[in-house]
Amino acid sequence: MLVVLSGGLSNIDLEPLEVALATVHFPTVGSRSQKPKAGWPDGRRKFGEVSGAIKAVLAQNGGEMRMKTIHAEVERLLGGEVSFQSVADYLLKNSKGPKPLFERPRYGHYRLLD
């Protein structure tokens, strides 16, 4: 079987494609066009930044706070999103053990220990 291509399908004009590709900006590896959001290039925060903010929020309030409110204030203080689970995990882990940082007077509420 012999297939013959007609001129309209076999000889496409590549010039518009070349012009379009020449005007597109492809970022190179290591390009510094955008600053990272936090301490790591992938957006993670610097070590201790979230825990420091949690302590600062509770110290500023001076009393018992709801975990949801603590999370909102940490995000406001750091100027960006913070995982709710990160805040909850830090509070829960550091309210137990021989030297706790926080007291959990009731479910979902925490206060900073002196």
C-alpha atoms as a PDB file:
ATOM      1  CA  MET A   1       0.000   0.000   0.000  1.00  0.00           C
ATOM      2  CA  LEU A   2       1.388   3.348  -1.048  1.00  0.00           C
ATOM      3  CA  VAL A   3       0.393   6.554   0.792  1.00  0.00           C
ATOM      4  CA  VAL A   4       0.842   9.900  -0.863  1.00  0.00           C
ATOM      5  CA  LEU A   5       0.772  12.996   1.325  1.00  0.00           C
ATOM      6  CA  SER A   6      -0.863  16.099  -0.007  1.00  0.00           C
ATOM      7  CA  GLY A   7       0.898  19.428   0.315  1.00  0.00           C
ATOM      8  CA  GLY A   8      -1.464  20.854   2.939  1.00  0.00           C
ATOM      9  CA  LEU A   9      -0.666  18.203   5.541  1.00  0.00           C
ATOM     10  CA  SER A  10       2.946  17.356   4.831  1.00  0.00           C
ATOM     11  CA  ASN A  11       4.531  20.802   4.712  1.00  0.00           C
ATOM     12  CA  ILE A  12       3.253  22.724   7.728  1.00  0.00           C
ATOM     13  CA  ASP A  13       4.633  26.197   8.366  1.00  0.00           C
ATOM     14  CA  LEU A  14       6.789  26.154  11.512  1.00  0.00           C
ATOM     15  CA  GLU A  15       7.550  29.879  11.598  1.00  0.00           C
ATOM     16  CA  PRO A  16       4.642  30.863  13.938  1.00  0.00           C
ATOM     17  CA  LEU A  17       5.693  28.079  16.316  1.00  0.00           C
ATOM     18  CA  GLU A  18       9.316  29.255  16.303  1.00  0.00           C
ATOM     19  CA  VAL A  19       8.226  32.840  17.061  1.00  0.00           C
ATOM     20  CA  ALA A  20       5.976  31.686  19.908  1.00  0.00           C
ATOM     21  CA  LEU A  21       8.707  29.561  21.465  1.00  0.00           C
ATOM     22  CA  ALA A  22      11.251  32.360  21.180  1.00  0.00           C
ATOM     23  CA  THR A  23       9.054  34.732  23.213  1.00  0.00           C
ATOM     24  CA  VAL A  24       8.296  32.282  26.060  1.00  0.00           C
ATOM     25  CA  HIS A  25      10.489  32.659  29.154  1.00  0.00           C
ATOM     26  CA  PHE A  26      11.659  29.321  30.532  1.00  0.00           C
ATOM     27  CA  PRO A  27      13.237  29.669  34.004  1.00  0.00           C
ATOM     28  CA  THR A  28      16.696  28.205  34.297  1.00  0.00           C
ATOM     29  CA  VAL A  29      17.844  25.969  37.106  1.00  0.00           C
ATOM     30  CA  GLY A  30      18.911  28.120  40.029  1.00  0.00           C
ATOM     31  CA  SER A  31      16.970  31.128  38.767  1.00  0.00           C
ATOM     32  CA  ARG A  32      16.317  33.626  41.562  1.00  0.00           C
ATOM     33  CA  SER A  33      13.279  35.320  40.041  1.00  0.00           C
ATOM     34  CA  GLN A  34      11.188  34.703  43.190  1.00  0.00           C
ATOM     35  CA  LYS A  35      12.274  34.799  46.799  1.00  0.00           C
ATOM     36  CA  PRO A  36      11.372  31.766  48.868  1.00  0.00           C
ATOM     37  CA  LYS A  37       8.447  32.287  51.266  1.00  0.00           C
ATOM     38  CA  ALA A  38      10.367  31.129  54.316  1.00  0.00           C
ATOM     39  CA  GLY A  39      13.710  29.695  55.365  1.00  0.00           C
ATOM     40  CA  TRP A  40      13.808  26.796  52.886  1.00  0.00           C
ATOM     41  CA  PRO A  41      13.460  26.972  49.085  1.00  0.00           C
ATOM     42  CA  ASP A  42      10.445  24.648  49.241  1.00  0.00           C
ATOM     43  CA  GLY A  43       8.582  27.017  51.592  1.00  0.00           C
ATOM     44  CA  ARG A  44       9.315  25.390  54.937  1.00  0.00           C
ATOM     45  CA  ARG A  45       9.946  27.752  57.794  1.00  0.00           C
ATOM     46  CA  LYS A  46      13.182  28.091  59.728  1.00  0.00           C
ATOM     47  CA  PHE A  47      13.675  25.757  62.661  1.00  0.00           C
ATOM     48  CA  GLY A  48      11.953  27.049  65.803  1.00  0.00           C
ATOM     49  CA  GLU A  49       9.948  29.746  64.045  1.00  0.00           C
ATOM     50  CA  VAL A  50       6.521  28.188  64.668  1.00  0.00           C
ATOM     51  CA  SER A  51       7.309  27.088  68.233  1.00  0.00           C
ATOM     52  CA  GLY A  52       8.611  30.574  69.044  1.00  0.00           C
ATOM     53  CA  ALA A  53       5.442  32.114  67.654  1.00  0.00           C
ATOM     54  CA  ILE A  54       3.260  29.764  69.724  1.00  0.00           C
ATOM     55  CA  LYS A  55       5.130  30.746  72.891  1.00  0.00           C
ATOM     56  CA  ALA A  56       4.913  34.447  71.998  1.00  0.00           C
ATOM     57  CA  VAL A  57       1.154  34.268  71.385  1.00  0.00           C
ATOM     58  CA  LEU A  58       0.510  32.531  74.698  1.00  0.00           C
ATOM     59  CA  ALA A  59       2.864  34.868  76.586  1.00  0.00           C
ATOM     60  CA  GLN A  60       1.192  37.930  75.101  1.00  0.00           C
ATOM     61  CA  ASN A  61      -2.265  36.696  76.106  1.00  0.00           C
ATOM     62  CA  GLY A  62      -1.162  35.645  79.561  1.00  0.00           C
ATOM     63  CA  GLY A  63      -4.074  33.276  80.103  1.00  0.00           C
ATOM     64  CA  GLU A  64      -5.852  30.265  78.739  1.00  0.00           C
ATOM     65  CA  MET A  65      -6.453  30.219  74.988  1.00  0.00           C
ATOM     66  CA  ARG A  66      -8.370  27.986  72.659  1.00  0.00           C
ATOM     67  CA  MET A  67      -6.190  26.008  70.219  1.00  0.00           C
ATOM     68  CA  LYS A  68      -8.078  27.406  67.226  1.00  0.00           C
ATOM     69  CA  THR A  69      -7.367  30.961  68.401  1.00  0.00           C
ATOM     70  CA  ILE A  70      -3.708  30.158  69.043  1.00  0.00           C
ATOM     71  CA  HIS A  71      -3.402  28.840  65.474  1.00  0.00           C
ATOM     72  CA  ALA A  72      -5.007  31.960  63.997  1.00  0.00           C
ATOM     73  CA  GLU A  73      -2.734  34.256  66.023  1.00  0.00           C
ATOM     74  CA  VAL A  74       0.385  32.264  65.031  1.00  0.00           C
ATOM     75  CA  GLU A  75      -0.543  32.664  61.354  1.00  0.00           C
ATOM     76  CA  ARG A  76      -1.120  36.388  61.857  1.00  0.00           C
ATOM     77  CA  LEU A  77       2.184  36.789  63.701  1.00  0.00           C
ATOM     78  CA  LEU A  78       4.180  34.889  61.061  1.00  0.00           C
ATOM     79  CA  GLY A  79       2.334  36.497  58.151  1.00  0.00           C
ATOM     80  CA  GLY A  80       1.395  33.290  56.374  1.00  0.00           C
ATOM     81  CA  GLU A  81      -0.187  29.887  56.540  1.00  0.00           C
ATOM     82  CA  VAL A  82       0.849  27.435  59.234  1.00  0.00           C
ATOM     83  CA  SER A  83      -0.407  23.874  59.427  1.00  0.00           C
ATOM     84  CA  PHE A  84      -3.036  23.534  62.150  1.00  0.00           C
ATOM     85  CA  GLN A  85      -1.612  20.092  62.895  1.00  0.00           C
ATOM     86  CA  SER A  86       1.850  21.568  63.544  1.00  0.00           C
ATOM     87  CA  VAL A  87       0.436  23.899  66.181  1.00  0.00           C
ATOM     88  CA  ALA A  88      -1.753  21.217  67.741  1.00  0.00           C
ATOM     89  CA  ASP A  89       1.069  18.659  67.840  1.00  0.00           C
ATOM     90  CA  TYR A  90       3.529  21.096  69.434  1.00  0.00           C
ATOM     91  CA  LEU A  91       1.030  22.117  72.111  1.00  0.00           C
ATOM     92  CA  LEU A  92       0.023  18.547  72.916  1.00  0.00           C
ATOM     93  CA  LYS A  93       3.571  17.156  73.062  1.00  0.00           C
ATOM     94  CA  ASN A  94       4.831  20.008  75.216  1.00  0.00           C
ATOM     95  CA  SER A  95       1.990  19.833  77.721  1.00  0.00           C
ATOM     96  CA  LYS A  96       3.094  16.384  78.926  1.00  0.00           C
ATOM     97  CA  GLY A  97       6.186  14.925  80.511  1.00  0.00           C
ATOM     98  CA  PRO A  98       8.437  15.901  83.412  1.00  0.00           C
ATOM     99  CA  LYS A  99       8.993  19.533  82.309  1.00  0.00           C
ATOM    100  CA  PRO A 100       5.933  20.723  80.343  1.00  0.00           C
ATOM    101  CA  LEU A 101       5.916  24.167  78.715  1.00  0.00           C
ATOM    102  CA  PHE A 102       2.133  24.399  78.578  1.00  0.00           C
ATOM    103  CA  GLU A 103      -0.789  23.482  80.772  1.00  0.00           C
ATOM    104  CA  ARG A 104      -3.916  21.947  79.272  1.00  0.00           C
ATOM    105  CA  PRO A 105      -6.662  23.005  81.726  1.00  0.00           C
ATOM    106  CA  ARG A 106      -9.407  21.510  79.551  1.00  0.00           C
ATOM    107  CA  TYR A 107      -9.866  19.949  76.137  1.00  0.00           C
ATOM    108  CA  GLY A 108      -8.610  22.207  73.332  1.00  0.00           C
ATOM    109  CA  HIS A 109      -7.352  24.971  75.653  1.00  0.00           C
ATOM    110  CA  TYR A 110      -3.762  25.753  76.632  1.00  0.00           C
ATOM    111  CA  ARG A 111      -1.839  28.244  78.735  1.00  0.00           C
ATOM    112  CA  LEU A 112       1.883  28.929  79.063  1.00  0.00           C
ATOM    113  CA  LEU A 113       3.479  27.755  82.291  1.00  0.00           C
ATOM    114  CA  ASP A 114       5.800  30.144  84.135  1.00  0.00           C
END
